[in-house]
Amino acid sequence: MSSTVWGYLPDSGYRAGTVLEGYSVEALDGSIGKVDKHSDEVDSAHLVVDTGPWILGRRVVLPAGTVTGIDREEEKVYVGRTRQEIKDAPSFEGDEHAGSADYLHQVGVYFGGFPLV
């Protein structure tokens, strides 16, 4: 698989500069939380999602390539993964993982791509 896991798919509806913080995030089988942070950096675009009480306040990083759609009116981001896949993703530990090439590599491999970092 290619590095596109770190870039938005052309048909996702993402437009450069769109602010996604606060949007609800919907997996294939239900809601998973809200976008806490968003990065649209080339080759490492991603969302940090706060899962809230669903999995005890854990945060996860979802590469931009997992986004299948964005509804600006409803303020929802749709991802092409199940709740279980997201629950099993590497946990995001804030400062410990922010900008960590090793962590982004781990996330990229988990979601089926090869990060360019």
PDB file of N, CA and C in Angstrom:
ATOM      1  N   MET A   1       0.848  -1.178   0.000  1.00  0.00           N
ATOM      2  CA  MET A   1       0.000   0.000   0.000  1.00  0.00           C
ATOM      3  C   MET A   1       0.895   1.243   0.000  1.00  0.00           C
ATOM      4  N   SER A   2       0.368   2.350  -0.409  1.00  0.00           N
ATOM      5  CA  SER A   2       1.188   3.550  -0.541  1.00  0.00           C
ATOM      6  C   SER A   2       1.058   4.477   0.651  1.00  0.00           C
ATOM      7  N   SER A   3       1.752   5.586   0.573  1.00  0.00           N
ATOM      8  CA  SER A   3       1.750   6.569   1.659  1.00  0.00           C
ATOM      9  C   SER A   3       0.479   7.401   1.688  1.00  0.00           C
ATOM     10  N   THR A   4      -0.470   7.139   0.806  1.00  0.00           N
ATOM     11  CA  THR A   4      -1.689   7.943   0.772  1.00  0.00           C
ATOM     12  C   THR A   4      -2.457   7.898   2.086  1.00  0.00           C
ATOM     13  N   VAL A   5      -2.095   6.997   2.974  1.00  0.00           N
ATOM     14  CA  VAL A   5      -2.742   6.959   4.280  1.00  0.00           C
ATOM     15  C   VAL A   5      -2.560   8.309   5.004  1.00  0.00           C
ATOM     16  N   TRP A   6      -1.536   9.075   4.646  1.00  0.00           N
ATOM     17  CA  TRP A   6      -1.251  10.361   5.285  1.00  0.00           C
ATOM     18  C   TRP A   6      -1.763  11.553   4.485  1.00  0.00           C
ATOM     19  N   GLY A   7      -2.558  11.302   3.471  1.00  0.00           N
ATOM     20  CA  GLY A   7      -3.153  12.381   2.686  1.00  0.00           C
ATOM     21  C   GLY A   7      -4.636  12.116   2.490  1.00  0.00           C
ATOM     22  N   TYR A   8      -5.426  13.186   2.389  1.00  0.00           N
ATOM     23  CA  TYR A   8      -6.858  13.036   2.181  1.00  0.00           C
ATOM     24  C   TYR A   8      -7.144  12.454   0.802  1.00  0.00           C
ATOM     25  N   LEU A   9      -8.085  11.548   0.742  1.00  0.00           N
ATOM     26  CA  LEU A   9      -8.516  10.979  -0.525  1.00  0.00           C
ATOM     27  C   LEU A   9      -9.212  12.068  -1.331  1.00  0.00           C
ATOM     28  N   PRO A  10      -9.041  12.077  -2.644  1.00  0.00           N
ATOM     29  CA  PRO A  10      -9.628  13.128  -3.476  1.00  0.00           C
ATOM     30  C   PRO A  10     -11.139  13.283  -3.324  1.00  0.00           C
ATOM     31  N   ASP A  11     -11.847  12.190  -3.066  1.00  0.00           N
ATOM     32  CA  ASP A  11     -13.304  12.259  -2.941  1.00  0.00           C
ATOM     33  C   ASP A  11     -13.801  12.356  -1.502  1.00  0.00           C
ATOM     34  N   SER A  12     -12.908  12.685  -0.545  1.00  0.00           N
ATOM     35  CA  SER A  12     -13.302  12.783   0.865  1.00  0.00           C
ATOM     36  C   SER A  12     -14.076  14.060   1.175  1.00  0.00           C
ATOM     37  N   GLY A  13     -13.954  15.055   0.310  1.00  0.00           N
ATOM     38  CA  GLY A  13     -14.627  16.323   0.571  1.00  0.00           C
ATOM     39  C   GLY A  13     -13.784  17.302   1.353  1.00  0.00           C
ATOM     40  N   TYR A  14     -12.548  16.921   1.651  1.00  0.00           N
ATOM     41  CA  TYR A  14     -11.684  17.825   2.408  1.00  0.00           C
ATOM     42  C   TYR A  14     -11.172  18.944   1.513  1.00  0.00           C
ATOM     43  N   ARG A  15     -11.196  20.151   2.035  1.00  0.00           N
ATOM     44  CA  ARG A  15     -10.625  21.311   1.361  1.00  0.00           C
ATOM     45  C   ARG A  15      -9.546  21.893   2.251  1.00  0.00           C
ATOM     46  N   ALA A  16      -8.406  22.210   1.687  1.00  0.00           N
ATOM     47  CA  ALA A  16      -7.302  22.785   2.461  1.00  0.00           C
ATOM     48  C   ALA A  16      -7.806  23.975   3.273  1.00  0.00           C
ATOM     49  N   GLY A  17      -7.400  24.014   4.517  1.00  0.00           N
ATOM     50  CA  GLY A  17      -7.784  25.109   5.393  1.00  0.00           C
ATOM     51  C   GLY A  17      -9.058  24.872   6.177  1.00  0.00           C
ATOM     52  N   THR A  18      -9.768  23.782   5.895  1.00  0.00           N
ATOM     53  CA  THR A  18     -10.984  23.470   6.642  1.00  0.00           C
ATOM     54  C   THR A  18     -10.624  23.172   8.091  1.00  0.00           C
ATOM     55  N   VAL A  19     -11.316  23.802   9.018  1.00  0.00           N
ATOM     56  CA  VAL A  19     -11.091  23.575  10.451  1.00  0.00           C
ATOM     57  C   VAL A  19     -12.012  22.442  10.887  1.00  0.00           C
ATOM     58  N   LEU A  20     -11.426  21.335  11.320  1.00  0.00           N
ATOM     59  CA  LEU A  20     -12.206  20.158  11.688  1.00  0.00           C
ATOM     60  C   LEU A  20     -12.330  19.954  13.197  1.00  0.00           C
ATOM     61  N   GLU A  21     -11.610  20.727  13.992  1.00  0.00           N
ATOM     62  CA  GLU A  21     -11.697  20.573  15.443  1.00  0.00           C
ATOM     63  C   GLU A  21     -13.144  20.737  15.887  1.00  0.00           C
ATOM     64  N   GLY A  22     -13.588  19.821  16.748  1.00  0.00           N
ATOM     65  CA  GLY A  22     -14.949  19.852  17.259  1.00  0.00           C
ATOM     66  C   GLY A  22     -15.937  19.031  16.449  1.00  0.00           C
ATOM     67  N   TYR A  23     -15.560  18.613  15.243  1.00  0.00           N
ATOM     68  CA  TYR A  23     -16.450  17.784  14.433  1.00  0.00           C
ATOM     69  C   TYR A  23     -16.609  16.411  15.102  1.00  0.00           C
ATOM     70  N   SER A  24     -17.800  15.841  14.992  1.00  0.00           N
ATOM     71  CA  SER A  24     -18.038  14.466  15.439  1.00  0.00           C
ATOM     72  C   SER A  24     -17.381  13.524  14.440  1.00  0.00           C
ATOM     73  N   VAL A  25     -16.951  12.360  14.928  1.00  0.00           N
ATOM     74  CA  VAL A  25     -16.310  11.375  14.054  1.00  0.00           C
ATOM     75  C   VAL A  25     -17.151  10.099  14.064  1.00  0.00           C
ATOM     76  N   GLU A  26     -17.493   9.651  12.858  1.00  0.00           N
ATOM     77  CA  GLU A  26     -18.332   8.470  12.682  1.00  0.00           C
ATOM     78  C   GLU A  26     -17.546   7.361  12.002  1.00  0.00           C
ATOM     79  N   ALA A  27     -17.457   6.215  12.682  1.00  0.00           N
ATOM     80  CA  ALA A  27     -16.856   5.024  12.091  1.00  0.00           C
ATOM     81  C   ALA A  27     -17.916   4.329  11.240  1.00  0.00           C
ATOM     82  N   LEU A  28     -17.539   3.243  10.605  1.00  0.00           N
ATOM     83  CA  LEU A  28     -18.484   2.491   9.775  1.00  0.00           C
ATOM     84  C   LEU A  28     -19.682   1.989  10.584  1.00  0.00           C
ATOM     85  N   ASP A  29     -19.469   1.765  11.880  1.00  0.00           N
ATOM     86  CA  ASP A  29     -20.522   1.176  12.711  1.00  0.00           C
ATOM     87  C   ASP A  29     -20.909   2.022  13.916  1.00  0.00           C
ATOM     88  N   GLY A  30     -20.689   3.328  13.839  1.00  0.00           N
ATOM     89  CA  GLY A  30     -21.149   4.198  14.922  1.00  0.00           C
ATOM     90  C   GLY A  30     -20.180   5.300  15.273  1.00  0.00           C
ATOM     91  N   SER A  31     -20.619   6.147  16.169  1.00  0.00           N
ATOM     92  CA  SER A  31     -19.837   7.305  16.594  1.00  0.00           C
ATOM     93  C   SER A  31     -18.638   6.889  17.446  1.00  0.00           C
ATOM     94  N   ILE A  32     -17.529   7.615  17.289  1.00  0.00           N
ATOM     95  CA  ILE A  32     -16.345   7.295  18.094  1.00  0.00           C
ATOM     96  C   ILE A  32     -15.828   8.476  18.901  1.00  0.00           C
ATOM     97  N   GLY A  33     -16.325   9.667  18.683  1.00  0.00           N
ATOM     98  CA  GLY A  33     -15.854  10.811  19.452  1.00  0.00           C
ATOM     99  C   GLY A  33     -15.817  12.083  18.638  1.00  0.00           C
ATOM    100  N   LYS A  34     -14.922  12.991  19.042  1.00  0.00           N
ATOM    101  CA  LYS A  34     -14.801  14.292  18.377  1.00  0.00           C
ATOM    102  C   LYS A  34     -13.348  14.571  18.016  1.00  0.00           C
ATOM    103  N   VAL A  35     -13.180  15.368  16.968  1.00  0.00           N
ATOM    104  CA  VAL A  35     -11.835  15.779  16.564  1.00  0.00           C
ATOM    105  C   VAL A  35     -11.309  16.766  17.603  1.00  0.00           C
ATOM    106  N   ASP A  36     -10.199  16.404  18.225  1.00  0.00           N
ATOM    107  CA  ASP A  36      -9.554  17.255  19.226  1.00  0.00           C
ATOM    108  C   ASP A  36      -8.533  18.170  18.553  1.00  0.00           C
ATOM    109  N   LYS A  37      -7.762  17.591  17.627  1.00  0.00           N
ATOM    110  CA  LYS A  37      -6.755  18.343  16.878  1.00  0.00           C
ATOM    111  C   LYS A  37      -6.745  17.845  15.448  1.00  0.00           C
ATOM    112  N   HIS A  38      -6.256  18.707  14.566  1.00  0.00           N
ATOM    113  CA  HIS A  38      -6.213  18.363  13.150  1.00  0.00           C
ATOM    114  C   HIS A  38      -4.927  18.921  12.559  1.00  0.00           C
ATOM    115  N   SER A  39      -4.254  18.113  11.777  1.00  0.00           N
ATOM    116  CA  SER A  39      -3.071  18.562  11.064  1.00  0.00           C
ATOM    117  C   SER A  39      -3.268  18.252   9.589  1.00  0.00           C
ATOM    118  N   ASP A  40      -3.001  19.251   8.738  1.00  0.00           N
ATOM    119  CA  ASP A  40      -3.088  18.971   7.305  1.00  0.00           C
ATOM    120  C   ASP A  40      -1.729  19.120   6.636  1.00  0.00           C
ATOM    121  N   GLU A  41      -0.682  18.841   7.417  1.00  0.00           N
ATOM    122  CA  GLU A  41       0.667  18.889   6.870  1.00  0.00           C
ATOM    123  C   GLU A  41       0.829  17.829   5.781  1.00  0.00           C
ATOM    124  N   VAL A  42       1.508  18.202   4.722  1.00  0.00           N
ATOM    125  CA  VAL A  42       1.761  17.282   3.618  1.00  0.00           C
ATOM    126  C   VAL A  42       2.517  16.061   4.136  1.00  0.00           C
ATOM    127  N   ASP A  43       2.074  14.889   3.734  1.00  0.00           N
ATOM    128  CA  ASP A  43       2.670  13.597   4.084  1.00  0.00           C
ATOM    129  C   ASP A  43       2.520  13.197   5.543  1.00  0.00           C
ATOM    130  N   SER A  44       1.759  13.950   6.328  1.00  0.00           N
ATOM    131  CA  SER A  44       1.467  13.515   7.697  1.00  0.00           C
ATOM    132  C   SER A  44       0.140  14.079   8.194  1.00  0.00           C
ATOM    133  N   ALA A  45      -0.791  14.342   7.276  1.00  0.00           N
ATOM    134  CA  ALA A  45      -2.100  14.873   7.666  1.00  0.00           C
ATOM    135  C   ALA A  45      -2.847  13.832   8.497  1.00  0.00           C
ATOM    136  N   HIS A  46      -3.455  14.295   9.587  1.00  0.00           N
ATOM    137  CA  HIS A  46      -4.147  13.372  10.483  1.00  0.00           C
ATOM    138  C   HIS A  46      -5.118  14.109  11.399  1.00  0.00           C
ATOM    139  N   LEU A  47      -5.948  13.327  12.071  1.00  0.00           N
ATOM    140  CA  LEU A  47      -6.857  13.821  13.090  1.00  0.00           C
ATOM    141  C   LEU A  47      -6.470  13.189  14.419  1.00  0.00           C
ATOM    142  N   VAL A  48      -6.537  13.957  15.492  1.00  0.00           N
ATOM    143  CA  VAL A  48      -6.443  13.397  16.836  1.00  0.00           C
ATOM    144  C   VAL A  48      -7.879  13.382  17.343  1.00  0.00           C
ATOM    145  N   VAL A  49      -8.383  12.187  17.649  1.00  0.00           N
ATOM    146  CA  VAL A  49      -9.775  12.034  18.052  1.00  0.00           C
ATOM    147  C   VAL A  49      -9.854  11.690  19.535  1.00  0.00           C
ATOM    148  N   ASP A  50     -10.643  12.490  20.254  1.00  0.00           N
ATOM    149  CA  ASP A  50     -10.922  12.220  21.662  1.00  0.00           C
ATOM    150  C   ASP A  50     -12.134  11.299  21.690  1.00  0.00           C
ATOM    151  N   THR A  51     -11.943  10.078  22.171  1.00  0.00           N
ATOM    152  CA  THR A  51     -13.018   9.095  22.159  1.00  0.00           C
ATOM    153  C   THR A  51     -13.998   9.279  23.314  1.00  0.00           C
ATOM    154  N   GLY A  52     -13.707  10.195  24.224  1.00  0.00           N
ATOM    155  CA  GLY A  52     -14.619  10.460  25.320  1.00  0.00           C
ATOM    156  C   GLY A  52     -14.881   9.212  26.147  1.00  0.00           C
ATOM    157  N   PRO A  53     -16.100   9.060  26.660  1.00  0.00           N
ATOM    158  CA  PRO A  53     -16.401   7.923  27.530  1.00  0.00           C
ATOM    159  C   PRO A  53     -16.464   6.577  26.805  1.00  0.00           C
ATOM    160  N   TRP A  54     -16.515   6.615  25.460  1.00  0.00           N
ATOM    161  CA  TRP A  54     -16.612   5.358  24.713  1.00  0.00           C
ATOM    162  C   TRP A  54     -15.477   4.402  25.064  1.00  0.00           C
ATOM    163  N   ILE A  55     -14.237   4.885  25.065  1.00  0.00           N
ATOM    164  CA  ILE A  55     -13.123   4.051  25.539  1.00  0.00           C
ATOM    165  C   ILE A  55     -12.309   4.837  26.562  1.00  0.00           C
ATOM    166  N   LEU A  56     -13.008   5.311  27.564  1.00  0.00           N
ATOM    167  CA  LEU A  56     -12.424   5.947  28.744  1.00  0.00           C
ATOM    168  C   LEU A  56     -11.514   7.131  28.437  1.00  0.00           C
ATOM    169  N   GLY A  57     -11.967   8.010  27.571  1.00  0.00           N
ATOM    170  CA  GLY A  57     -11.242   9.242  27.322  1.00  0.00           C
ATOM    171  C   GLY A  57      -9.949   9.091  26.556  1.00  0.00           C
ATOM    172  N   ARG A  58      -9.742   7.977  25.953  1.00  0.00           N
ATOM    173  CA  ARG A  58      -8.525   7.741  25.180  1.00  0.00           C
ATOM    174  C   ARG A  58      -8.541   8.579  23.906  1.00  0.00           C
ATOM    175  N   ARG A  59      -7.368   8.970  23.454  1.00  0.00           N
ATOM    176  CA  ARG A  59      -7.253   9.678  22.172  1.00  0.00           C
ATOM    177  C   ARG A  59      -6.479   8.801  21.198  1.00  0.00           C
ATOM    178  N   VAL A  60      -6.882   8.878  19.927  1.00  0.00           N
ATOM    179  CA  VAL A  60      -6.213   8.120  18.869  1.00  0.00           C
ATOM    180  C   VAL A  60      -5.936   9.040  17.695  1.00  0.00           C
ATOM    181  N   VAL A  61      -4.907   8.694  16.945  1.00  0.00           N
ATOM    182  CA  VAL A  61      -4.582   9.416  15.713  1.00  0.00           C
ATOM    183  C   VAL A  61      -5.136   8.620  14.547  1.00  0.00           C
ATOM    184  N   LEU A  62      -5.885   9.311  13.695  1.00  0.00           N
ATOM    185  CA  LEU A  62      -6.395   8.705  12.471  1.00  0.00           C
ATOM    186  C   LEU A  62      -5.758   9.417  11.292  1.00  0.00           C
ATOM    187  N   PRO A  63      -4.971   8.704  10.485  1.00  0.00           N
ATOM    188  CA  PRO A  63      -4.389   9.322   9.297  1.00  0.00           C
ATOM    189  C   PRO A  63      -5.485   9.859   8.380  1.00  0.00           C
ATOM    190  N   ALA A  64      -5.191  10.934   7.666  1.00  0.00           N
ATOM    191  CA  ALA A  64      -6.166  11.564   6.774  1.00  0.00           C
ATOM    192  C   ALA A  64      -6.724  10.589   5.737  1.00  0.00           C
ATOM    193  N   GLY A  65      -5.953   9.609   5.350  1.00  0.00           N
ATOM    194  CA  GLY A  65      -6.406   8.636   4.360  1.00  0.00           C
ATOM    195  C   GLY A  65      -7.533   7.740   4.835  1.00  0.00           C
ATOM    196  N   THR A  66      -7.835   7.747   6.145  1.00  0.00           N
ATOM    197  CA  THR A  66      -8.960   6.967   6.658  1.00  0.00           C
ATOM    198  C   THR A  66     -10.273   7.734   6.522  1.00  0.00           C
ATOM    199  N   VAL A  67     -10.194   9.030   6.231  1.00  0.00           N
ATOM    200  CA  VAL A  67     -11.393   9.867   6.103  1.00  0.00           C
ATOM    201  C   VAL A  67     -12.065   9.597   4.759  1.00  0.00           C
ATOM    202  N   THR A  68     -13.332   9.204   4.820  1.00  0.00           N
ATOM    203  CA  THR A  68     -14.077   8.900   3.597  1.00  0.00           C
ATOM    204  C   THR A  68     -15.060  10.003   3.225  1.00  0.00           C
ATOM    205  N   GLY A  69     -15.366  10.877   4.171  1.00  0.00           N
ATOM    206  CA  GLY A  69     -16.298  11.958   3.875  1.00  0.00           C
ATOM    207  C   GLY A  69     -16.328  12.996   4.983  1.00  0.00           C
ATOM    208  N   ILE A  70     -16.682  14.215   4.603  1.00  0.00           N
ATOM    209  CA  ILE A  70     -16.807  15.312   5.559  1.00  0.00           C
ATOM    210  C   ILE A  70     -18.117  16.029   5.268  1.00  0.00           C
ATOM    211  N   ASP A  71     -18.945  16.153   6.295  1.00  0.00           N
ATOM    212  CA  ASP A  71     -20.207  16.876   6.173  1.00  0.00           C
ATOM    213  C   ASP A  71     -20.070  18.166   6.968  1.00  0.00           C
ATOM    214  N   ARG A  72     -19.860  19.283   6.257  1.00  0.00           N
ATOM    215  CA  ARG A  72     -19.641  20.561   6.929  1.00  0.00           C
ATOM    216  C   ARG A  72     -20.915  21.078   7.611  1.00  0.00           C
ATOM    217  N   GLU A  73     -22.069  20.800   7.030  1.00  0.00           N
ATOM    218  CA  GLU A  73     -23.324  21.248   7.643  1.00  0.00           C
ATOM    219  C   GLU A  73     -23.582  20.543   8.968  1.00  0.00           C
ATOM    220  N   GLU A  74     -23.387  19.241   9.000  1.00  0.00           N
ATOM    221  CA  GLU A  74     -23.610  18.441  10.211  1.00  0.00           C
ATOM    222  C   GLU A  74     -22.382  18.440  11.133  1.00  0.00           C
ATOM    223  N   GLU A  75     -21.260  18.957  10.621  1.00  0.00           N
ATOM    224  CA  GLU A  75     -19.973  18.944  11.334  1.00  0.00           C
ATOM    225  C   GLU A  75     -19.600  17.526  11.757  1.00  0.00           C
ATOM    226  N   LYS A  76     -19.546  16.643  10.736  1.00  0.00           N
ATOM    227  CA  LYS A  76     -19.174  15.251  10.955  1.00  0.00           C
ATOM    228  C   LYS A  76     -18.081  14.844   9.990  1.00  0.00           C
ATOM    229  N   VAL A  77     -17.194  14.006  10.493  1.00  0.00           N
ATOM    230  CA  VAL A  77     -16.154  13.387   9.687  1.00  0.00           C
ATOM    231  C   VAL A  77     -16.445  11.889   9.693  1.00  0.00           C
ATOM    232  N   TYR A  78     -16.446  11.296   8.514  1.00  0.00           N
ATOM    233  CA  TYR A  78     -16.696   9.862   8.382  1.00  0.00           C
ATOM    234  C   TYR A  78     -15.384   9.162   8.051  1.00  0.00           C
ATOM    235  N   VAL A  79     -15.132   8.058   8.757  1.00  0.00           N
ATOM    236  CA  VAL A  79     -13.904   7.298   8.513  1.00  0.00           C
ATOM    237  C   VAL A  79     -14.254   5.878   8.104  1.00  0.00           C
ATOM    238  N   GLY A  80     -13.438   5.315   7.240  1.00  0.00           N
ATOM    239  CA  GLY A  80     -13.672   3.978   6.707  1.00  0.00           C
ATOM    240  C   GLY A  80     -13.070   2.884   7.562  1.00  0.00           C
ATOM    241  N   ARG A  81     -13.287   2.958   8.849  1.00  0.00           N
ATOM    242  CA  ARG A  81     -12.797   1.946   9.792  1.00  0.00           C
ATOM    243  C   ARG A  81     -13.910   1.649  10.792  1.00  0.00           C
ATOM    244  N   THR A  82     -13.863   0.455  11.388  1.00  0.00           N
ATOM    245  CA  THR A  82     -14.847   0.096  12.405  1.00  0.00           C
ATOM    246  C   THR A  82     -14.423   0.640  13.770  1.00  0.00           C
ATOM    247  N   ARG A  83     -15.377   0.646  14.672  1.00  0.00           N
ATOM    248  CA  ARG A  83     -15.079   1.068  16.048  1.00  0.00           C
ATOM    249  C   ARG A  83     -13.984   0.184  16.655  1.00  0.00           C
ATOM    250  N   GLN A  84     -14.048  -1.108  16.389  1.00  0.00           N
ATOM    251  CA  GLN A  84     -13.038  -2.015  16.952  1.00  0.00           C
ATOM    252  C   GLN A  84     -11.650  -1.709  16.387  1.00  0.00           C
ATOM    253  N   GLU A  85     -11.560  -1.446  15.100  1.00  0.00           N
ATOM    254  CA  GLU A  85     -10.260  -1.105  14.507  1.00  0.00           C
ATOM    255  C   GLU A  85      -9.688   0.160  15.155  1.00  0.00           C
ATOM    256  N   ILE A  86     -10.546   1.119  15.411  1.00  0.00           N
ATOM    257  CA  ILE A  86     -10.087   2.362  16.030  1.00  0.00           C
ATOM    258  C   ILE A  86      -9.723   2.127  17.491  1.00  0.00           C
ATOM    259  N   LYS A  87     -10.510   1.323  18.171  1.00  0.00           N
ATOM    260  CA  LYS A  87     -10.210   0.999  19.570  1.00  0.00           C
ATOM    261  C   LYS A  87      -8.854   0.304  19.691  1.00  0.00           C
ATOM    262  N   ASP A  88      -8.518  -0.535  18.715  1.00  0.00           N
ATOM    263  CA  ASP A  88      -7.259  -1.292  18.739  1.00  0.00           C
ATOM    264  C   ASP A  88      -6.057  -0.497  18.226  1.00  0.00           C
ATOM    265  N   ALA A  89      -6.286   0.705  17.726  1.00  0.00           N
ATOM    266  CA  ALA A  89      -5.196   1.534  17.184  1.00  0.00           C
ATOM    267  C   ALA A  89      -4.246   1.957  18.301  1.00  0.00           C
ATOM    268  N   PRO A  90      -2.999   2.264  17.941  1.00  0.00           N
ATOM    269  CA  PRO A  90      -2.045   2.735  18.949  1.00  0.00           C
ATOM    270  C   PRO A  90      -2.585   3.983  19.659  1.00  0.00           C
ATOM    271  N   SER A  91      -2.507   3.971  20.973  1.00  0.00           N
ATOM    272  CA  SER A  91      -3.002   5.080  21.784  1.00  0.00           C
ATOM    273  C   SER A  91      -2.122   6.313  21.623  1.00  0.00           C
ATOM    274  N   PHE A  92      -2.748   7.483  21.622  1.00  0.00           N
ATOM    275  CA  PHE A  92      -2.025   8.753  21.514  1.00  0.00           C
ATOM    276  C   PHE A  92      -1.831   9.304  22.915  1.00  0.00           C
ATOM    277  N   GLU A  93      -0.582   9.538  23.292  1.00  0.00           N
ATOM    278  CA  GLU A  93      -0.262   9.988  24.642  1.00  0.00           C
ATOM    279  C   GLU A  93       0.160  11.453  24.686  1.00  0.00           C
ATOM    280  N   GLY A  94      -0.367  12.262  23.817  1.00  0.00           N
ATOM    281  CA  GLY A  94      -0.112  13.706  23.842  1.00  0.00           C
ATOM    282  C   GLY A  94       1.326  14.067  23.567  1.00  0.00           C
ATOM    283  N   ASP A  95       1.926  14.814  24.490  1.00  0.00           N
ATOM    284  CA  ASP A  95       3.283  15.324  24.307  1.00  0.00           C
ATOM    285  C   ASP A  95       4.292  14.216  23.998  1.00  0.00           C
ATOM    286  N   GLU A  96       4.066  13.053  24.582  1.00  0.00           N
ATOM    287  CA  GLU A  96       4.980  11.929  24.359  1.00  0.00           C
ATOM    288  C   GLU A  96       4.998  11.509  22.885  1.00  0.00           C
ATOM    289  N   HIS A  97       3.867  11.633  22.202  1.00  0.00           N
ATOM    290  CA  HIS A  97       3.768  11.179  20.819  1.00  0.00           C
ATOM    291  C   HIS A  97       3.674  12.300  19.787  1.00  0.00           C
ATOM    292  N   ALA A  98       3.390  13.504  20.227  1.00  0.00           N
ATOM    293  CA  ALA A  98       3.243  14.625  19.282  1.00  0.00           C
ATOM    294  C   ALA A  98       4.537  14.816  18.499  1.00  0.00           C
ATOM    295  N   GLY A  99       4.454  14.656  17.199  1.00  0.00           N
ATOM    296  CA  GLY A  99       5.624  14.849  16.350  1.00  0.00           C
ATOM    297  C   GLY A  99       6.625  13.716  16.366  1.00  0.00           C
ATOM    298  N   SER A 100       6.327  12.614  17.033  1.00  0.00           N
ATOM    299  CA  SER A 100       7.249  11.484  17.110  1.00  0.00           C
ATOM    300  C   SER A 100       7.197  10.669  15.818  1.00  0.00           C
ATOM    301  N   ALA A 101       8.321  10.600  15.118  1.00  0.00           N
ATOM    302  CA  ALA A 101       8.395   9.832  13.880  1.00  0.00           C
ATOM    303  C   ALA A 101       8.114   8.354  14.138  1.00  0.00           C
ATOM    304  N   ASP A 102       8.588   7.822  15.263  1.00  0.00           N
ATOM    305  CA  ASP A 102       8.355   6.420  15.590  1.00  0.00           C
ATOM    306  C   ASP A 102       6.869   6.144  15.805  1.00  0.00           C
ATOM    307  N   TYR A 103       6.195   7.048  16.517  1.00  0.00           N
ATOM    308  CA  TYR A 103       4.766   6.871  16.760  1.00  0.00           C
ATOM    309  C   TYR A 103       3.978   6.957  15.450  1.00  0.00           C
ATOM    310  N   LEU A 104       4.275   7.967  14.610  1.00  0.00           N
ATOM    311  CA  LEU A 104       3.573   8.097  13.332  1.00  0.00           C
ATOM    312  C   LEU A 104       3.824   6.883  12.446  1.00  0.00           C
ATOM    313  N   HIS A 105       5.020   6.329  12.502  1.00  0.00           N
ATOM    314  CA  HIS A 105       5.324   5.113  11.738  1.00  0.00           C
ATOM    315  C   HIS A 105       4.422   3.971  12.221  1.00  0.00           C
ATOM    316  N   GLN A 106       4.320   3.812  13.546  1.00  0.00           N
ATOM    317  CA  GLN A 106       3.484   2.759  14.124  1.00  0.00           C
ATOM    318  C   GLN A 106       2.022   2.915  13.686  1.00  0.00           C
ATOM    319  N   VAL A 107       1.508   4.140  13.735  1.00  0.00           N
ATOM    320  CA  VAL A 107       0.131   4.410  13.320  1.00  0.00           C
ATOM    321  C   VAL A 107      -0.035   4.130  11.825  1.00  0.00           C
ATOM    322  N   GLY A 108       0.917   4.587  11.018  1.00  0.00           N
ATOM    323  CA  GLY A 108       0.840   4.377   9.577  1.00  0.00           C
ATOM    324  C   GLY A 108       0.816   2.913   9.206  1.00  0.00           C
ATOM    325  N   VAL A 109       1.653   2.125   9.860  1.00  0.00           N
ATOM    326  CA  VAL A 109       1.688   0.688   9.592  1.00  0.00           C
ATOM    327  C   VAL A 109       0.370   0.050  10.037  1.00  0.00           C
ATOM    328  N   TYR A 110      -0.135   0.441  11.201  1.00  0.00           N
ATOM    329  CA  TYR A 110      -1.401  -0.121  11.691  1.00  0.00           C
ATOM    330  C   TYR A 110      -2.532   0.118  10.692  1.00  0.00           C
ATOM    331  N   PHE A 111      -2.599   1.336  10.136  1.00  0.00           N
ATOM    332  CA  PHE A 111      -3.681   1.664   9.220  1.00  0.00           C
ATOM    333  C   PHE A 111      -3.377   1.308   7.768  1.00  0.00           C
ATOM    334  N   GLY A 112      -2.287   0.588   7.539  1.00  0.00           N
ATOM    335  CA  GLY A 112      -2.056   0.007   6.232  1.00  0.00           C
ATOM    336  C   GLY A 112      -1.288   0.856   5.243  1.00  0.00           C
ATOM    337  N   GLY A 113      -0.485   1.772   5.714  1.00  0.00           N
ATOM    338  CA  GLY A 113       0.307   2.596   4.810  1.00  0.00           C
ATOM    339  C   GLY A 113       1.739   2.681   5.277  1.00  0.00           C
ATOM    340  N   PHE A 114       2.554   3.315   4.489  1.00  0.00           N
ATOM    341  CA  PHE A 114       3.946   3.509   4.850  1.00  0.00           C
ATOM    342  C   PHE A 114       4.211   4.993   4.988  1.00  0.00           C
ATOM    343  N   PRO A 115       4.400   5.463   6.219  1.00  0.00           N
ATOM    344  CA  PRO A 115       4.590   6.902   6.425  1.00  0.00           C
ATOM    345  C   PRO A 115       5.871   7.391   5.788  1.00  0.00           C
ATOM    346  N   LEU A 116       5.865   8.639   5.398  1.00  0.00           N
ATOM    347  CA  LEU A 116       7.048   9.242   4.792  1.00  0.00           C
ATOM    348  C   LEU A 116       7.922   9.942   5.810  1.00  0.00           C
ATOM    349  N   VAL A 117       7.602   9.821   7.085  1.00  0.00           N
ATOM    350  CA  VAL A 117       8.387  10.478   8.134  1.00  0.00           C
ATOM    351  C   VAL A 117       9.526   9.615   8.578  1.00  0.00           C
TER     352      VAL A 117
END
